[in-house]
Amino acid sequence: MTNVNADWPTEIRLNSAKNQLRVTFSDGAALDLDAEYLRVFSPSAEVQGHAPDERKIVEGKKDITITKLEQVGNYAIQIIFDDGHDTGLYTWLYLRDLGEKHDVLWKQYLEELEANDMSR
């Protein structure tokens, strides 16, 4: 299990192209998360559904950007994307999890797109 204190971000920075978020955690880990990746794995019910078998495959987000970040209390951020998607709270733990599981999740996503004849 990940150390909860290690999951506290010390910096969240959006790059100038607004297509990548860098999250640096208190243990020194720095994760670069592309806007497309964050959008297709949004924690919102719109994407995740209310049960694992309700998860939606989001396509066509290759060139998406982030228009705004809003802190939610001391535990999360809300990410507003240029396609209007603005639901779902990205908790510190969820951001850390997305970063640590990036390769596995991204591979799975690309395979799902291909299997469903969808594109990025």
PDB file of N, CA and C in Angstrom:
ATOM      1  N   MET A   1       0.845  -1.189   0.000  1.00  0.00           N
ATOM      2  CA  MET A   1       0.000   0.000   0.000  1.00  0.00           C
ATOM      3  C   MET A   1       0.881   1.240   0.000  1.00  0.00           C
ATOM      4  N   THR A   2       0.470   2.246  -0.754  1.00  0.00           N
ATOM      5  CA  THR A   2       1.239   3.482  -0.856  1.00  0.00           C
ATOM      6  C   THR A   2       1.127   4.279   0.438  1.00  0.00           C
ATOM      7  N   ASN A   3       2.219   4.889   0.840  1.00  0.00           N
ATOM      8  CA  ASN A   3       2.242   5.749   2.011  1.00  0.00           C
ATOM      9  C   ASN A   3       1.356   6.965   1.749  1.00  0.00           C
ATOM     10  N   VAL A   4       0.356   7.199   2.597  1.00  0.00           N
ATOM     11  CA  VAL A   4      -0.582   8.300   2.396  1.00  0.00           C
ATOM     12  C   VAL A   4       0.143   9.636   2.359  1.00  0.00           C
ATOM     13  N   ASN A   5       1.146   9.839   3.195  1.00  0.00           N
ATOM     14  CA  ASN A   5       1.889  11.095   3.192  1.00  0.00           C
ATOM     15  C   ASN A   5       2.644  11.304   1.889  1.00  0.00           C
ATOM     16  N   ALA A   6       3.047  10.219   1.251  1.00  0.00           N
ATOM     17  CA  ALA A   6       3.750  10.319  -0.026  1.00  0.00           C
ATOM     18  C   ALA A   6       2.807  10.756  -1.135  1.00  0.00           C
ATOM     19  N   ASP A   7       1.509  10.639  -0.903  1.00  0.00           N
ATOM     20  CA  ASP A   7       0.520  10.979  -1.911  1.00  0.00           C
ATOM     21  C   ASP A   7       0.075  12.436  -1.852  1.00  0.00           C
ATOM     22  N   TRP A   8       0.780  13.249  -1.115  1.00  0.00           N
ATOM     23  CA  TRP A   8       0.434  14.657  -1.018  1.00  0.00           C
ATOM     24  C   TRP A   8       1.254  15.434  -2.050  1.00  0.00           C
ATOM     25  N   PRO A   9       0.583  16.105  -2.988  1.00  0.00           N
ATOM     26  CA  PRO A   9       1.342  16.828  -4.004  1.00  0.00           C
ATOM     27  C   PRO A   9       1.967  18.105  -3.450  1.00  0.00           C
ATOM     28  N   THR A  10       3.182  18.362  -3.864  1.00  0.00           N
ATOM     29  CA  THR A  10       3.847  19.601  -3.488  1.00  0.00           C
ATOM     30  C   THR A  10       3.769  20.614  -4.622  1.00  0.00           C
ATOM     31  N   GLU A  11       3.501  20.116  -5.838  1.00  0.00           N
ATOM     32  CA  GLU A  11       3.361  21.018  -6.983  1.00  0.00           C
ATOM     33  C   GLU A  11       2.514  20.352  -8.063  1.00  0.00           C
ATOM     34  N   ILE A  12       1.636  21.142  -8.642  1.00  0.00           N
ATOM     35  CA  ILE A  12       0.851  20.707  -9.793  1.00  0.00           C
ATOM     36  C   ILE A  12       1.019  21.797 -10.836  1.00  0.00           C
ATOM     37  N   ARG A  13       1.594  21.418 -11.969  1.00  0.00           N
ATOM     38  CA  ARG A  13       1.912  22.418 -12.987  1.00  0.00           C
ATOM     39  C   ARG A  13       1.415  21.963 -14.352  1.00  0.00           C
ATOM     40  N   LEU A  14       0.687  22.859 -15.021  1.00  0.00           N
ATOM     41  CA  LEU A  14       0.214  22.621 -16.374  1.00  0.00           C
ATOM     42  C   LEU A  14       1.228  23.213 -17.340  1.00  0.00           C
ATOM     43  N   ASN A  15       1.647  22.444 -18.349  1.00  0.00           N
ATOM     44  CA  ASN A  15       2.643  22.960 -19.290  1.00  0.00           C
ATOM     45  C   ASN A  15       2.032  24.050 -20.170  1.00  0.00           C
ATOM     46  N   SER A  16       2.860  24.760 -20.899  1.00  0.00           N
ATOM     47  CA  SER A  16       2.400  25.904 -21.692  1.00  0.00           C
ATOM     48  C   SER A  16       1.469  25.499 -22.829  1.00  0.00           C
ATOM     49  N   ALA A  17       1.597  24.282 -23.346  1.00  0.00           N
ATOM     50  CA  ALA A  17       0.711  23.802 -24.405  1.00  0.00           C
ATOM     51  C   ALA A  17      -0.635  23.333 -23.836  1.00  0.00           C
ATOM     52  N   LYS A  18      -0.728  23.272 -22.519  1.00  0.00           N
ATOM     53  CA  LYS A  18      -1.926  22.856 -21.796  1.00  0.00           C
ATOM     54  C   LYS A  18      -2.349  21.418 -22.115  1.00  0.00           C
ATOM     55  N   ASN A  19      -1.364  20.599 -22.470  1.00  0.00           N
ATOM     56  CA  ASN A  19      -1.677  19.207 -22.796  1.00  0.00           C
ATOM     57  C   ASN A  19      -0.970  18.208 -21.881  1.00  0.00           C
ATOM     58  N   GLN A  20      -0.328  18.707 -20.826  1.00  0.00           N
ATOM     59  CA  GLN A  20       0.334  17.808 -19.885  1.00  0.00           C
ATOM     60  C   GLN A  20       0.381  18.435 -18.503  1.00  0.00           C
ATOM     61  N   LEU A  21       0.062  17.605 -17.526  1.00  0.00           N
ATOM     62  CA  LEU A  21       0.071  18.021 -16.136  1.00  0.00           C
ATOM     63  C   LEU A  21       1.221  17.307 -15.440  1.00  0.00           C
ATOM     64  N   ARG A  22       2.047  18.068 -14.731  1.00  0.00           N
ATOM     65  CA  ARG A  22       3.108  17.474 -13.923  1.00  0.00           C
ATOM     66  C   ARG A  22       2.706  17.586 -12.470  1.00  0.00           C
ATOM     67  N   VAL A  23       2.682  16.425 -11.802  1.00  0.00           N
ATOM     68  CA  VAL A  23       2.344  16.384 -10.384  1.00  0.00           C
ATOM     69  C   VAL A  23       3.564  15.872  -9.639  1.00  0.00           C
ATOM     70  N   THR A  24       4.058  16.693  -8.725  1.00  0.00           N
ATOM     71  CA  THR A  24       5.203  16.309  -7.904  1.00  0.00           C
ATOM     72  C   THR A  24       4.687  16.055  -6.494  1.00  0.00           C
ATOM     73  N   PHE A  25       5.070  14.906  -5.949  1.00  0.00           N
ATOM     74  CA  PHE A  25       4.585  14.497  -4.638  1.00  0.00           C
ATOM     75  C   PHE A  25       5.641  14.729  -3.562  1.00  0.00           C
ATOM     76  N   SER A  26       5.193  14.712  -2.318  1.00  0.00           N
ATOM     77  CA  SER A  26       6.072  15.013  -1.190  1.00  0.00           C
ATOM     78  C   SER A  26       7.223  14.027  -1.034  1.00  0.00           C
ATOM     79  N   ASP A  27       7.118  12.847  -1.621  1.00  0.00           N
ATOM     80  CA  ASP A  27       8.229  11.895  -1.551  1.00  0.00           C
ATOM     81  C   ASP A  27       9.211  12.087  -2.710  1.00  0.00           C
ATOM     82  N   GLY A  28       8.990  13.121  -3.531  1.00  0.00           N
ATOM     83  CA  GLY A  28       9.891  13.421  -4.646  1.00  0.00           C
ATOM     84  C   GLY A  28       9.452  12.840  -5.973  1.00  0.00           C
ATOM     85  N   ALA A  29       8.487  11.950  -5.977  1.00  0.00           N
ATOM     86  CA  ALA A  29       7.999  11.378  -7.238  1.00  0.00           C
ATOM     87  C   ALA A  29       7.361  12.476  -8.079  1.00  0.00           C
ATOM     88  N   ALA A  30       7.703  12.504  -9.366  1.00  0.00           N
ATOM     89  CA  ALA A  30       7.115  13.469 -10.296  1.00  0.00           C
ATOM     90  C   ALA A  30       6.499  12.689 -11.445  1.00  0.00           C
ATOM     91  N   LEU A  31       5.221  12.941 -11.702  1.00  0.00           N
ATOM     92  CA  LEU A  31       4.497  12.223 -12.737  1.00  0.00           C
ATOM     93  C   LEU A  31       4.007  13.201 -13.790  1.00  0.00           C
ATOM     94  N   ASP A  32       4.260  12.878 -15.059  1.00  0.00           N
ATOM     95  CA  ASP A  32       3.762  13.671 -16.170  1.00  0.00           C
ATOM     96  C   ASP A  32       2.554  12.942 -16.749  1.00  0.00           C
ATOM     97  N   LEU A  33       1.416  13.595 -16.713  1.00  0.00           N
ATOM     98  CA  LEU A  33       0.168  12.991 -17.146  1.00  0.00           C
ATOM     99  C   LEU A  33      -0.407  13.798 -18.302  1.00  0.00           C
ATOM    100  N   ASP A  34      -0.509  13.163 -19.467  1.00  0.00           N
ATOM    101  CA  ASP A  34      -1.048  13.837 -20.641  1.00  0.00           C
ATOM    102  C   ASP A  34      -2.524  14.126 -20.456  1.00  0.00           C
ATOM    103  N   ALA A  35      -2.994  15.232 -21.054  1.00  0.00           N
ATOM    104  CA  ALA A  35      -4.405  15.612 -20.977  1.00  0.00           C
ATOM    105  C   ALA A  35      -5.299  14.509 -21.534  1.00  0.00           C
ATOM    106  N   GLU A  36      -4.888  13.904 -22.637  1.00  0.00           N
ATOM    107  CA  GLU A  36      -5.685  12.827 -23.225  1.00  0.00           C
ATOM    108  C   GLU A  36      -5.859  11.685 -22.231  1.00  0.00           C
ATOM    109  N   TYR A  37      -4.785  11.283 -21.595  1.00  0.00           N
ATOM    110  CA  TYR A  37      -4.817  10.201 -20.617  1.00  0.00           C
ATOM    111  C   TYR A  37      -5.744  10.555 -19.452  1.00  0.00           C
ATOM    112  N   LEU A  38      -5.608  11.777 -18.949  1.00  0.00           N
ATOM    113  CA  LEU A  38      -6.462  12.218 -17.848  1.00  0.00           C
ATOM    114  C   LEU A  38      -7.927  12.250 -18.263  1.00  0.00           C
ATOM    115  N   ARG A  39      -8.194  12.658 -19.496  1.00  0.00           N
ATOM    116  CA  ARG A  39      -9.589  12.753 -19.964  1.00  0.00           C
ATOM    117  C   ARG A  39     -10.228  11.375 -20.140  1.00  0.00           C
ATOM    118  N   VAL A  40      -9.504  10.451 -20.771  1.00  0.00           N
ATOM    119  CA  VAL A  40     -10.102   9.140 -21.031  1.00  0.00           C
ATOM    120  C   VAL A  40     -10.222   8.297 -19.760  1.00  0.00           C
ATOM    121  N   PHE A  41      -9.455   8.637 -18.733  1.00  0.00           N
ATOM    122  CA  PHE A  41      -9.560   7.952 -17.450  1.00  0.00           C
ATOM    123  C   PHE A  41     -10.166   8.865 -16.379  1.00  0.00           C
ATOM    124  N   SER A  42     -10.993   9.788 -16.805  1.00  0.00           N
ATOM    125  CA  SER A  42     -11.675  10.672 -15.868  1.00  0.00           C
ATOM    126  C   SER A  42     -12.388   9.845 -14.805  1.00  0.00           C
ATOM    127  N   PRO A  43     -12.312  10.277 -13.538  1.00  0.00           N
ATOM    128  CA  PRO A  43     -13.007   9.539 -12.481  1.00  0.00           C
ATOM    129  C   PRO A  43     -14.513   9.819 -12.440  1.00  0.00           C
ATOM    130  N   SER A  44     -15.018  10.567 -13.393  1.00  0.00           N
ATOM    131  CA  SER A  44     -16.431  10.934 -13.400  1.00  0.00           C
ATOM    132  C   SER A  44     -17.328   9.725 -13.645  1.00  0.00           C
ATOM    133  N   ALA A  45     -18.550   9.811 -13.159  1.00  0.00           N
ATOM    134  CA  ALA A  45     -19.532   8.748 -13.410  1.00  0.00           C
ATOM    135  C   ALA A  45     -19.844   8.660 -14.901  1.00  0.00           C
ATOM    136  N   GLU A  46     -19.728   9.782 -15.606  1.00  0.00           N
ATOM    137  CA  GLU A  46     -19.960   9.804 -17.054  1.00  0.00           C
ATOM    138  C   GLU A  46     -19.011   8.843 -17.781  1.00  0.00           C
ATOM    139  N   VAL A  47     -17.801   8.725 -17.294  1.00  0.00           N
ATOM    140  CA  VAL A  47     -16.799   7.844 -17.902  1.00  0.00           C
ATOM    141  C   VAL A  47     -16.750   6.496 -17.183  1.00  0.00           C
ATOM    142  N   GLN A  48     -16.670   6.513 -15.870  1.00  0.00           N
ATOM    143  CA  GLN A  48     -16.495   5.288 -15.094  1.00  0.00           C
ATOM    144  C   GLN A  48     -17.788   4.523 -14.864  1.00  0.00           C
ATOM    145  N   GLY A  49     -18.921   5.197 -15.021  1.00  0.00           N
ATOM    146  CA  GLY A  49     -20.189   4.550 -14.702  1.00  0.00           C
ATOM    147  C   GLY A  49     -20.327   4.399 -13.198  1.00  0.00           C
ATOM    148  N   HIS A  50     -21.289   3.597 -12.811  1.00  0.00           N
ATOM    149  CA  HIS A  50     -21.510   3.364 -11.379  1.00  0.00           C
ATOM    150  C   HIS A  50     -21.078   1.957 -10.969  1.00  0.00           C
ATOM    151  N   ALA A  51     -20.561   1.217 -11.930  1.00  0.00           N
ATOM    152  CA  ALA A  51     -20.034  -0.133 -11.694  1.00  0.00           C
ATOM    153  C   ALA A  51     -18.985  -0.400 -12.768  1.00  0.00           C
ATOM    154  N   PRO A  52     -18.026  -1.294 -12.502  1.00  0.00           N
ATOM    155  CA  PRO A  52     -16.953  -1.554 -13.467  1.00  0.00           C
ATOM    156  C   PRO A  52     -17.433  -1.893 -14.876  1.00  0.00           C
ATOM    157  N   ASP A  53     -18.550  -2.607 -14.990  1.00  0.00           N
ATOM    158  CA  ASP A  53     -19.025  -2.992 -16.316  1.00  0.00           C
ATOM    159  C   ASP A  53     -19.741  -1.846 -17.045  1.00  0.00           C
ATOM    160  N   GLU A  54     -19.878  -0.698 -16.394  1.00  0.00           N
ATOM    161  CA  GLU A  54     -20.495   0.477 -17.015  1.00  0.00           C
ATOM    162  C   GLU A  54     -19.469   1.462 -17.562  1.00  0.00           C
ATOM    163  N   ARG A  55     -18.176   1.180 -17.363  1.00  0.00           N
ATOM    164  CA  ARG A  55     -17.139   2.096 -17.816  1.00  0.00           C
ATOM    165  C   ARG A  55     -17.239   2.318 -19.322  1.00  0.00           C
ATOM    166  N   LYS A  56     -17.118   3.557 -19.735  1.00  0.00           N
ATOM    167  CA  LYS A  56     -17.215   3.909 -21.149  1.00  0.00           C
ATOM    168  C   LYS A  56     -15.818   4.069 -21.750  1.00  0.00           C
ATOM    169  N   ILE A  57     -15.679   3.682 -22.996  1.00  0.00           N
ATOM    170  CA  ILE A  57     -14.437   3.910 -23.721  1.00  0.00           C
ATOM    171  C   ILE A  57     -14.573   5.274 -24.395  1.00  0.00           C
ATOM    172  N   VAL A  58     -13.707   6.192 -24.032  1.00  0.00           N
ATOM    173  CA  VAL A  58     -13.751   7.546 -24.576  1.00  0.00           C
ATOM    174  C   VAL A  58     -12.795   7.619 -25.753  1.00  0.00           C
ATOM    175  N   GLU A  59     -13.301   8.028 -26.901  1.00  0.00           N
ATOM    176  CA  GLU A  59     -12.451   8.136 -28.089  1.00  0.00           C
ATOM    177  C   GLU A  59     -12.355   9.581 -28.557  1.00  0.00           C
ATOM    178  N   GLY A  60     -11.420   9.822 -29.467  1.00  0.00           N
ATOM    179  CA  GLY A  60     -11.312  11.112 -30.121  1.00  0.00           C
ATOM    180  C   GLY A  60     -10.773  12.242 -29.265  1.00  0.00           C
ATOM    181  N   LYS A  61      -9.927  11.935 -28.316  1.00  0.00           N
ATOM    182  CA  LYS A  61      -9.413  12.967 -27.408  1.00  0.00           C
ATOM    183  C   LYS A  61      -7.905  13.204 -27.566  1.00  0.00           C
ATOM    184  N   LYS A  62      -7.339  12.770 -28.676  1.00  0.00           N
ATOM    185  CA  LYS A  62      -5.890  12.864 -28.893  1.00  0.00           C
ATOM    186  C   LYS A  62      -5.357  14.292 -28.738  1.00  0.00           C
ATOM    187  N   ASP A  63      -6.107  15.270 -29.203  1.00  0.00           N
ATOM    188  CA  ASP A  63      -5.619  16.653 -29.181  1.00  0.00           C
ATOM    189  C   ASP A  63      -6.272  17.510 -28.102  1.00  0.00           C
ATOM    190  N   ILE A  64      -6.855  16.885 -27.111  1.00  0.00           N
ATOM    191  CA  ILE A  64      -7.544  17.635 -26.056  1.00  0.00           C
ATOM    192  C   ILE A  64      -6.552  18.430 -25.212  1.00  0.00           C
ATOM    193  N   THR A  65      -7.018  19.543 -24.687  1.00  0.00           N
ATOM    194  CA  THR A  65      -6.202  20.337 -23.775  1.00  0.00           C
ATOM    195  C   THR A  65      -6.992  20.621 -22.503  1.00  0.00           C
ATOM    196  N   ILE A  66      -6.264  21.084 -21.517  1.00  0.00           N
ATOM    197  CA  ILE A  66      -6.852  21.441 -20.226  1.00  0.00           C
ATOM    198  C   ILE A  66      -7.029  22.953 -20.215  1.00  0.00           C
ATOM    199  N   THR A  67      -8.234  23.407 -19.948  1.00  0.00           N
ATOM    200  CA  THR A  67      -8.475  24.846 -19.930  1.00  0.00           C
ATOM    201  C   THR A  67      -8.360  25.449 -18.539  1.00  0.00           C
ATOM    202  N   LYS A  68      -8.594  24.624 -17.515  1.00  0.00           N
ATOM    203  CA  LYS A  68      -8.565  25.171 -16.158  1.00  0.00           C
ATOM    204  C   LYS A  68      -8.398  24.060 -15.129  1.00  0.00           C
ATOM    205  N   LEU A  69      -7.742  24.386 -14.047  1.00  0.00           N
ATOM    206  CA  LEU A  69      -7.603  23.495 -12.891  1.00  0.00           C
ATOM    207  C   LEU A  69      -8.186  24.218 -11.681  1.00  0.00           C
ATOM    208  N   GLU A  70      -8.962  23.507 -10.900  1.00  0.00           N
ATOM    209  CA  GLU A  70      -9.513  24.092  -9.687  1.00  0.00           C
ATOM    210  C   GLU A  70      -9.256  23.154  -8.522  1.00  0.00           C
ATOM    211  N   GLN A  71      -8.669  23.690  -7.453  1.00  0.00           N
ATOM    212  CA  GLN A  71      -8.448  22.869  -6.268  1.00  0.00           C
ATOM    213  C   GLN A  71      -9.772  22.646  -5.557  1.00  0.00           C
ATOM    214  N   VAL A  72      -9.975  21.431  -5.072  1.00  0.00           N
ATOM    215  CA  VAL A  72     -11.176  21.069  -4.322  1.00  0.00           C
ATOM    216  C   VAL A  72     -10.717  20.671  -2.927  1.00  0.00           C
ATOM    217  N   GLY A  73     -10.930  21.536  -1.990  1.00  0.00           N
ATOM    218  CA  GLY A  73     -10.480  21.277  -0.623  1.00  0.00           C
ATOM    219  C   GLY A  73      -8.990  21.008  -0.593  1.00  0.00           C
ATOM    220  N   ASN A  74      -8.606  20.092   0.277  1.00  0.00           N
ATOM    221  CA  ASN A  74      -7.192  19.713   0.392  1.00  0.00           C
ATOM    222  C   ASN A  74      -6.933  18.317  -0.138  1.00  0.00           C
ATOM    223  N   TYR A  75      -7.841  17.812  -0.985  1.00  0.00           N
ATOM    224  CA  TYR A  75      -7.715  16.418  -1.374  1.00  0.00           C
ATOM    225  C   TYR A  75      -7.798  16.147  -2.867  1.00  0.00           C
ATOM    226  N   ALA A  76      -8.125  17.159  -3.686  1.00  0.00           N
ATOM    227  CA  ALA A  76      -8.351  16.866  -5.102  1.00  0.00           C
ATOM    228  C   ALA A  76      -8.286  18.122  -5.961  1.00  0.00           C
ATOM    229  N   ILE A  77      -8.284  17.894  -7.274  1.00  0.00           N
ATOM    230  CA  ILE A  77      -8.460  18.977  -8.235  1.00  0.00           C
ATOM    231  C   ILE A  77      -9.572  18.581  -9.199  1.00  0.00           C
ATOM    232  N   GLN A  78     -10.202  19.596  -9.724  1.00  0.00           N
ATOM    233  CA  GLN A  78     -11.159  19.413 -10.800  1.00  0.00           C
ATOM    234  C   GLN A  78     -10.453  19.899 -12.056  1.00  0.00           C
ATOM    235  N   ILE A  79     -10.506  19.095 -13.107  1.00  0.00           N
ATOM    236  CA  ILE A  79      -9.861  19.450 -14.365  1.00  0.00           C
ATOM    237  C   ILE A  79     -10.951  19.772 -15.378  1.00  0.00           C
ATOM    238  N   ILE A  80     -10.845  20.940 -15.996  1.00  0.00           N
ATOM    239  CA  ILE A  80     -11.791  21.339 -17.026  1.00  0.00           C
ATOM    240  C   ILE A  80     -11.069  21.224 -18.366  1.00  0.00           C
ATOM    241  N   PHE A  81     -11.650  20.432 -19.263  1.00  0.00           N
ATOM    242  CA  PHE A  81     -11.049  20.164 -20.567  1.00  0.00           C
ATOM    243  C   PHE A  81     -11.715  21.019 -21.635  1.00  0.00           C
ATOM    244  N   ASP A  82     -11.018  21.203 -22.762  1.00  0.00           N
ATOM    245  CA  ASP A  82     -11.556  22.061 -23.814  1.00  0.00           C
ATOM    246  C   ASP A  82     -12.747  21.471 -24.553  1.00  0.00           C
ATOM    247  N   ASP A  83     -13.097  20.222 -24.281  1.00  0.00           N
ATOM    248  CA  ASP A  83     -14.322  19.654 -24.865  1.00  0.00           C
ATOM    249  C   ASP A  83     -15.528  19.881 -23.945  1.00  0.00           C
ATOM    250  N   GLY A  84     -15.308  20.616 -22.850  1.00  0.00           N
ATOM    251  CA  GLY A  84     -16.379  20.927 -21.918  1.00  0.00           C
ATOM    252  C   GLY A  84     -16.502  19.961 -20.756  1.00  0.00           C
ATOM    253  N   HIS A  85     -15.786  18.844 -20.792  1.00  0.00           N
ATOM    254  CA  HIS A  85     -15.860  17.876 -19.696  1.00  0.00           C
ATOM    255  C   HIS A  85     -15.272  18.507 -18.438  1.00  0.00           C
ATOM    256  N   ASP A  86     -16.055  18.494 -17.361  1.00  0.00           N
ATOM    257  CA  ASP A  86     -15.598  19.117 -16.119  1.00  0.00           C
ATOM    258  C   ASP A  86     -16.094  18.390 -14.877  1.00  0.00           C
ATOM    259  N   THR A  87     -16.518  17.136 -15.050  1.00  0.00           N
ATOM    260  CA  THR A  87     -16.988  16.390 -13.888  1.00  0.00           C
ATOM    261  C   THR A  87     -15.945  15.357 -13.473  1.00  0.00           C
ATOM    262  N   GLY A  88     -15.997  14.981 -12.237  1.00  0.00           N
ATOM    263  CA  GLY A  88     -15.031  14.028 -11.705  1.00  0.00           C
ATOM    264  C   GLY A  88     -13.941  14.751 -10.943  1.00  0.00           C
ATOM    265  N   LEU A  89     -13.666  14.283  -9.765  1.00  0.00           N
ATOM    266  CA  LEU A  89     -12.611  14.874  -8.944  1.00  0.00           C
ATOM    267  C   LEU A  89     -11.394  13.968  -8.949  1.00  0.00           C
ATOM    268  N   TYR A  90     -10.277  14.536  -9.302  1.00  0.00           N
ATOM    269  CA  TYR A  90      -9.011  13.812  -9.347  1.00  0.00           C
ATOM    270  C   TYR A  90      -8.346  13.975  -7.985  1.00  0.00           C
ATOM    271  N   THR A  91      -8.550  12.984  -7.115  1.00  0.00           N
ATOM    272  CA  THR A  91      -7.930  13.038  -5.789  1.00  0.00           C
ATOM    273  C   THR A  91      -6.421  12.836  -5.945  1.00  0.00           C
ATOM    274  N   TRP A  92      -5.704  13.205  -4.921  1.00  0.00           N
ATOM    275  CA  TRP A  92      -4.246  13.026  -4.964  1.00  0.00           C
ATOM    276  C   TRP A  92      -3.912  11.549  -5.158  1.00  0.00           C
ATOM    277  N   LEU A  93      -4.624  10.687  -4.459  1.00  0.00           N
ATOM    278  CA  LEU A  93      -4.370   9.256  -4.567  1.00  0.00           C
ATOM    279  C   LEU A  93      -4.695   8.748  -5.979  1.00  0.00           C
ATOM    280  N   TYR A  94      -5.771   9.252  -6.584  1.00  0.00           N
ATOM    281  CA  TYR A  94      -6.138   8.832  -7.937  1.00  0.00           C
ATOM    282  C   TYR A  94      -5.083   9.295  -8.944  1.00  0.00           C
ATOM    283  N   LEU A  95      -4.590  10.522  -8.806  1.00  0.00           N
ATOM    284  CA  LEU A  95      -3.530  11.008  -9.705  1.00  0.00           C
ATOM    285  C   LEU A  95      -2.273  10.157  -9.570  1.00  0.00           C
ATOM    286  N   ARG A  96      -1.925   9.834  -8.340  1.00  0.00           N
ATOM    287  CA  ARG A  96      -0.748   8.994  -8.096  1.00  0.00           C
ATOM    288  C   ARG A  96      -0.938   7.619  -8.738  1.00  0.00           C
ATOM    289  N   ASP A  97      -2.116   7.056  -8.551  1.00  0.00           N
ATOM    290  CA  ASP A  97      -2.443   5.748  -9.106  1.00  0.00           C
ATOM    291  C   ASP A  97      -2.381   5.780 -10.639  1.00  0.00           C
ATOM    292  N   LEU A  98      -2.949   6.810 -11.261  1.00  0.00           N
ATOM    293  CA  LEU A  98      -2.886   6.943 -12.720  1.00  0.00           C
ATOM    294  C   LEU A  98      -1.442   6.998 -13.203  1.00  0.00           C
ATOM    295  N   GLY A  99      -0.612   7.721 -12.481  1.00  0.00           N
ATOM    296  CA  GLY A  99       0.799   7.830 -12.869  1.00  0.00           C
ATOM    297  C   GLY A  99       1.541   6.517 -12.739  1.00  0.00           C
ATOM    298  N   GLU A 100       1.321   5.828 -11.642  1.00  0.00           N
ATOM    299  CA  GLU A 100       2.035   4.574 -11.394  1.00  0.00           C
ATOM    300  C   GLU A 100       1.560   3.442 -12.301  1.00  0.00           C
ATOM    301  N   LYS A 101       0.312   3.492 -12.735  1.00  0.00           N
ATOM    302  CA  LYS A 101      -0.241   2.431 -13.577  1.00  0.00           C
ATOM    303  C   LYS A 101      -0.340   2.844 -15.047  1.00  0.00           C
ATOM    304  N   HIS A 102       0.312   3.928 -15.406  1.00  0.00           N
ATOM    305  CA  HIS A 102       0.176   4.496 -16.745  1.00  0.00           C
ATOM    306  C   HIS A 102       0.373   3.482 -17.861  1.00  0.00           C
ATOM    307  N   ASP A 103       1.486   2.786 -17.852  1.00  0.00           N
ATOM    308  CA  ASP A 103       1.806   1.886 -18.963  1.00  0.00           C
ATOM    309  C   ASP A 103       0.751   0.788 -19.135  1.00  0.00           C
ATOM    310  N   VAL A 104       0.314   0.207 -18.047  1.00  0.00           N
ATOM    311  CA  VAL A 104      -0.686  -0.862 -18.097  1.00  0.00           C
ATOM    312  C   VAL A 104      -2.036  -0.310 -18.565  1.00  0.00           C
ATOM    313  N   LEU A 105      -2.460   0.806 -17.968  1.00  0.00           N
ATOM    314  CA  LEU A 105      -3.756   1.378 -18.323  1.00  0.00           C
ATOM    315  C   LEU A 105      -3.780   1.877 -19.767  1.00  0.00           C
ATOM    316  N   TRP A 106      -2.687   2.513 -20.201  1.00  0.00           N
ATOM    317  CA  TRP A 106      -2.644   3.051 -21.564  1.00  0.00           C
ATOM    318  C   TRP A 106      -2.685   1.914 -22.593  1.00  0.00           C
ATOM    319  N   LYS A 107      -1.950   0.849 -22.331  1.00  0.00           N
ATOM    320  CA  LYS A 107      -1.960  -0.303 -23.232  1.00  0.00           C
ATOM    321  C   LYS A 107      -3.370  -0.892 -23.319  1.00  0.00           C
ATOM    322  N   GLN A 108      -4.012  -1.034 -22.173  1.00  0.00           N
ATOM    323  CA  GLN A 108      -5.376  -1.555 -22.127  1.00  0.00           C
ATOM    324  C   GLN A 108      -6.319  -0.654 -22.921  1.00  0.00           C
ATOM    325  N   TYR A 109      -6.185   0.651 -22.757  1.00  0.00           N
ATOM    326  CA  TYR A 109      -7.029   1.613 -23.468  1.00  0.00           C
ATOM    327  C   TYR A 109      -6.854   1.489 -24.985  1.00  0.00           C
ATOM    328  N   LEU A 110      -5.604   1.437 -25.439  1.00  0.00           N
ATOM    329  CA  LEU A 110      -5.347   1.317 -26.881  1.00  0.00           C
ATOM    330  C   LEU A 110      -5.912   0.015 -27.440  1.00  0.00           C
ATOM    331  N   GLU A 111      -5.811  -1.052 -26.674  1.00  0.00           N
ATOM    332  CA  GLU A 111      -6.377  -2.340 -27.103  1.00  0.00           C
ATOM    333  C   GLU A 111      -7.904  -2.268 -27.178  1.00  0.00           C
ATOM    334  N   GLU A 112      -8.515  -1.581 -26.218  1.00  0.00           N
ATOM    335  CA  GLU A 112      -9.977  -1.421 -26.238  1.00  0.00           C
ATOM    336  C   GLU A 112     -10.415  -0.612 -27.459  1.00  0.00           C
ATOM    337  N   LEU A 113      -9.687   0.444 -27.752  1.00  0.00           N
ATOM    338  CA  LEU A 113     -10.018   1.243 -28.938  1.00  0.00           C
ATOM    339  C   LEU A 113      -9.969   0.381 -30.188  1.00  0.00           C
ATOM    340  N   GLU A 114      -8.884  -0.359 -30.341  1.00  0.00           N
ATOM    341  CA  GLU A 114      -8.709  -1.199 -31.518  1.00  0.00           C
ATOM    342  C   GLU A 114      -9.817  -2.271 -31.619  1.00  0.00           C
ATOM    343  N   ALA A 115     -10.117  -2.901 -30.514  1.00  0.00           N
ATOM    344  CA  ALA A 115     -11.135  -3.960 -30.496  1.00  0.00           C
ATOM    345  C   ALA A 115     -12.534  -3.427 -30.851  1.00  0.00           C
ATOM    346  N   ASN A 116     -12.751  -2.144 -30.603  1.00  0.00           N
ATOM    347  CA  ASN A 116     -14.057  -1.540 -30.859  1.00  0.00           C
ATOM    348  C   ASN A 116     -14.053  -0.643 -32.101  1.00  0.00           C
ATOM    349  N   ASP A 117     -12.976  -0.755 -32.901  1.00  0.00           N
ATOM    350  CA  ASP A 117     -12.834   0.047 -34.124  1.00  0.00           C
ATOM    351  C   ASP A 117     -13.031   1.535 -33.856  1.00  0.00           C
ATOM    352  N   MET A 118     -12.363   1.992 -32.792  1.00  0.00           N
ATOM    353  CA  MET A 118     -12.421   3.403 -32.388  1.00  0.00           C
ATOM    354  C   MET A 118     -11.026   4.009 -32.552  1.00  0.00           C
ATOM    355  N   SER A 119     -10.949   5.332 -32.524  1.00  0.00           N
ATOM    356  CA  SER A 119      -9.648   5.983 -32.666  1.00  0.00           C
ATOM    357  C   SER A 119      -9.435   7.016 -31.571  1.00  0.00           C
ATOM    358  N   ARG A 120      -8.184   7.327 -31.397  1.00  0.00           N
ATOM    359  CA  ARG A 120      -7.821   8.316 -30.391  1.00  0.00           C
ATOM    360  C   ARG A 120      -8.295   9.683 -30.833  1.00  0.00           C
TER     361      ARG A 120
END
